[in-house]
Amino acid sequence: MNSKEFFQTVERMRASQREYFRTRSGAALRDSKRLERAVDEEIERVHRILDARRNPELNFNKTQA
């Protein structure tokens, strides 16, 4: 996911959250949770990339195992 896609996903997530709290709709809750998972997964993916850049020797060892 690139930065524009991440931004758009966060926008949709926040809209779904607002919709849920406004209506308490089950569909809005499911959509909100789905988007929250996507955002959390992207954050975790970026953390892994940053960690690999900070610790290249650890990344090298992982690929050798």
N, C-alpha and C. Protein backbone atom coordinates (compact mmCIF):
# COMPACT_ATOMS: atom_id res chain seq x y z
N MET A 1 0.86 -1.16 0.00
CA MET A 1 0.00 0.00 0.00
C MET A 1 0.91 1.23 0.00
N ASN A 2 0.66 2.15 -0.90
CA ASN A 2 1.46 3.37 -0.90
C ASN A 2 0.81 4.41 0.03
N SER A 3 1.47 5.56 0.16
CA SER A 3 1.00 6.56 1.13
C SER A 3 -0.39 7.10 0.77
N LYS A 4 -0.67 7.26 -0.51
CA LYS A 4 -1.99 7.76 -0.92
C LYS A 4 -3.08 6.74 -0.58
N GLU A 5 -2.81 5.47 -0.85
CA GLU A 5 -3.78 4.42 -0.53
C GLU A 5 -3.99 4.32 0.98
N PHE A 6 -2.91 4.46 1.74
CA PHE A 6 -3.03 4.43 3.20
C PHE A 6 -3.91 5.58 3.67
N PHE A 7 -3.66 6.77 3.17
CA PHE A 7 -4.46 7.94 3.54
C PHE A 7 -5.94 7.72 3.21
N GLN A 8 -6.20 7.21 2.02
CA GLN A 8 -7.59 6.96 1.62
C GLN A 8 -8.24 5.89 2.50
N THR A 9 -7.49 4.88 2.87
CA THR A 9 -8.02 3.83 3.75
C THR A 9 -8.35 4.40 5.12
N VAL A 10 -7.47 5.25 5.64
CA VAL A 10 -7.73 5.89 6.94
C VAL A 10 -8.97 6.79 6.85
N GLU A 11 -9.11 7.52 5.76
CA GLU A 11 -10.31 8.35 5.57
C GLU A 11 -11.58 7.50 5.59
N ARG A 12 -11.56 6.39 4.86
CA ARG A 12 -12.73 5.50 4.82
C ARG A 12 -12.99 4.89 6.19
N MET A 13 -11.92 4.53 6.90
CA MET A 13 -12.06 3.97 8.24
C MET A 13 -12.75 4.96 9.17
N ARG A 14 -12.28 6.20 9.16
CA ARG A 14 -12.86 7.22 10.04
C ARG A 14 -14.33 7.50 9.67
N ALA A 15 -14.64 7.49 8.38
CA ALA A 15 -16.03 7.69 7.96
C ALA A 15 -16.90 6.53 8.46
N SER A 16 -16.39 5.31 8.38
CA SER A 16 -17.14 4.15 8.88
C SER A 16 -17.31 4.21 10.39
N GLN A 17 -16.28 4.65 11.09
CA GLN A 17 -16.39 4.79 12.54
C GLN A 17 -17.45 5.82 12.91
N ARG A 18 -17.43 6.96 12.23
CA ARG A 18 -18.44 7.99 12.49
C ARG A 18 -19.85 7.47 12.19
N GLU A 19 -19.97 6.74 11.07
CA GLU A 19 -21.27 6.16 10.70
C GLU A 19 -21.74 5.19 11.77
N TYR A 20 -20.84 4.35 12.26
CA TYR A 20 -21.23 3.40 13.29
C TYR A 20 -21.71 4.12 14.56
N PHE A 21 -20.95 5.10 15.02
CA PHE A 21 -21.34 5.78 16.26
C PHE A 21 -22.60 6.62 16.08
N ARG A 22 -22.88 7.00 14.83
CA ARG A 22 -24.11 7.75 14.56
C ARG A 22 -25.32 6.82 14.52
N THR A 23 -25.14 5.62 13.93
CA THR A 23 -26.29 4.74 13.67
C THR A 23 -26.28 3.45 14.47
N ARG A 24 -25.12 3.06 14.99
CA ARG A 24 -24.93 1.75 15.65
C ARG A 24 -25.29 0.60 14.71
N SER A 25 -25.05 0.81 13.43
CA SER A 25 -25.34 -0.19 12.40
C SER A 25 -24.30 -1.31 12.43
N GLY A 26 -24.78 -2.54 12.33
CA GLY A 26 -23.89 -3.70 12.28
C GLY A 26 -23.00 -3.66 11.04
N ALA A 27 -23.55 -3.22 9.92
CA ALA A 27 -22.77 -3.14 8.69
C ALA A 27 -21.64 -2.12 8.82
N ALA A 28 -21.94 -0.99 9.44
CA ALA A 28 -20.92 0.04 9.63
C ALA A 28 -19.84 -0.47 10.59
N LEU A 29 -20.23 -1.22 11.60
CA LEU A 29 -19.25 -1.78 12.54
C LEU A 29 -18.33 -2.77 11.84
N ARG A 30 -18.90 -3.66 11.03
CA ARG A 30 -18.10 -4.63 10.29
C ARG A 30 -17.13 -3.93 9.34
N ASP A 31 -17.63 -2.92 8.63
CA ASP A 31 -16.80 -2.17 7.69
C ASP A 31 -15.68 -1.46 8.44
N SER A 32 -16.02 -0.85 9.56
CA SER A 32 -15.03 -0.15 10.37
C SER A 32 -13.94 -1.09 10.85
N LYS A 33 -14.32 -2.26 11.34
CA LYS A 33 -13.34 -3.23 11.83
C LYS A 33 -12.46 -3.75 10.70
N ARG A 34 -13.05 -3.96 9.54
CA ARG A 34 -12.28 -4.42 8.38
C ARG A 34 -11.22 -3.39 7.99
N LEU A 35 -11.62 -2.13 7.97
CA LEU A 35 -10.69 -1.07 7.62
C LEU A 35 -9.64 -0.86 8.71
N GLU A 36 -10.04 -1.00 9.97
CA GLU A 36 -9.07 -0.90 11.07
C GLU A 36 -8.01 -1.99 10.95
N ARG A 37 -8.43 -3.21 10.60
CA ARG A 37 -7.46 -4.30 10.40
C ARG A 37 -6.49 -3.96 9.27
N ALA A 38 -7.02 -3.41 8.17
CA ALA A 38 -6.16 -3.05 7.03
C ALA A 38 -5.14 -1.99 7.44
N VAL A 39 -5.58 -1.00 8.21
CA VAL A 39 -4.67 0.05 8.69
C VAL A 39 -3.63 -0.56 9.62
N ASP A 40 -4.06 -1.38 10.56
CA ASP A 40 -3.12 -2.01 11.50
C ASP A 40 -2.10 -2.89 10.77
N GLU A 41 -2.55 -3.63 9.76
CA GLU A 41 -1.64 -4.48 8.99
C GLU A 41 -0.62 -3.65 8.23
N GLU A 42 -1.06 -2.53 7.68
CA GLU A 42 -0.13 -1.67 6.95
C GLU A 42 0.88 -1.04 7.90
N ILE A 43 0.45 -0.62 9.07
CA ILE A 43 1.37 -0.07 10.06
C ILE A 43 2.41 -1.12 10.44
N GLU A 44 1.97 -2.33 10.67
CA GLU A 44 2.89 -3.42 11.03
C GLU A 44 3.86 -3.69 9.88
N ARG A 45 3.38 -3.69 8.66
CA ARG A 45 4.24 -3.92 7.49
C ARG A 45 5.34 -2.86 7.41
N VAL A 46 4.97 -1.61 7.61
CA VAL A 46 5.94 -0.52 7.55
C VAL A 46 6.94 -0.63 8.70
N HIS A 47 6.46 -1.01 9.89
CA HIS A 47 7.37 -1.22 11.02
C HIS A 47 8.41 -2.29 10.70
N ARG A 48 7.98 -3.38 10.05
CA ARG A 48 8.93 -4.44 9.69
C ARG A 48 9.98 -3.92 8.71
N ILE A 49 9.56 -3.11 7.75
CA ILE A 49 10.50 -2.52 6.78
C ILE A 49 11.50 -1.62 7.50
N LEU A 50 10.99 -0.76 8.37
CA LEU A 50 11.87 0.15 9.10
C LEU A 50 12.83 -0.60 10.00
N ASP A 51 12.35 -1.64 10.68
CA ASP A 51 13.23 -2.45 11.53
C ASP A 51 14.32 -3.12 10.70
N ALA A 52 13.98 -3.62 9.53
CA ALA A 52 14.96 -4.26 8.67
C ALA A 52 16.02 -3.25 8.21
N ARG A 53 15.61 -2.03 7.96
CA ARG A 53 16.57 -1.00 7.55
C ARG A 53 17.49 -0.60 8.70
N ARG A 54 16.95 -0.59 9.92
CA ARG A 54 17.75 -0.21 11.09
C ARG A 54 18.71 -1.32 11.50
N ASN A 55 18.35 -2.56 11.22
CA ASN A 55 19.14 -3.72 11.64
C ASN A 55 19.40 -4.64 10.45
N PRO A 56 20.18 -4.18 9.50
CA PRO A 56 20.37 -5.00 8.29
C PRO A 56 21.01 -6.36 8.57
N GLU A 57 21.88 -6.45 9.59
CA GLU A 57 22.50 -7.74 9.88
C GLU A 57 21.47 -8.73 10.39
N LEU A 58 20.47 -8.26 11.14
CA LEU A 58 19.41 -9.16 11.59
C LEU A 58 18.57 -9.61 10.42
N ASN A 59 18.29 -8.73 9.50
CA ASN A 59 17.54 -9.07 8.31
C ASN A 59 18.32 -10.09 7.48
N PHE A 60 19.62 -9.91 7.36
CA PHE A 60 20.46 -10.84 6.61
C PHE A 60 20.40 -12.24 7.22
N ASN A 61 20.49 -12.32 8.55
CA ASN A 61 20.45 -13.61 9.22
C ASN A 61 19.11 -14.30 9.03
N LYS A 62 18.03 -13.55 8.97
CA LYS A 62 16.71 -14.15 8.78
C LYS A 62 16.62 -14.80 7.41
N THR A 63 17.24 -14.18 6.41
CA THR A 63 17.15 -14.75 5.06
C THR A 63 18.06 -15.96 4.92
N GLN A 64 19.07 -16.09 5.77
CA GLN A 64 19.99 -17.22 5.69
C GLN A 64 19.44 -18.47 6.39
N ALA A 65 18.52 -18.29 7.32
CA ALA A 65 18.02 -19.41 8.12
C ALA A 65 17.11 -20.31 7.33
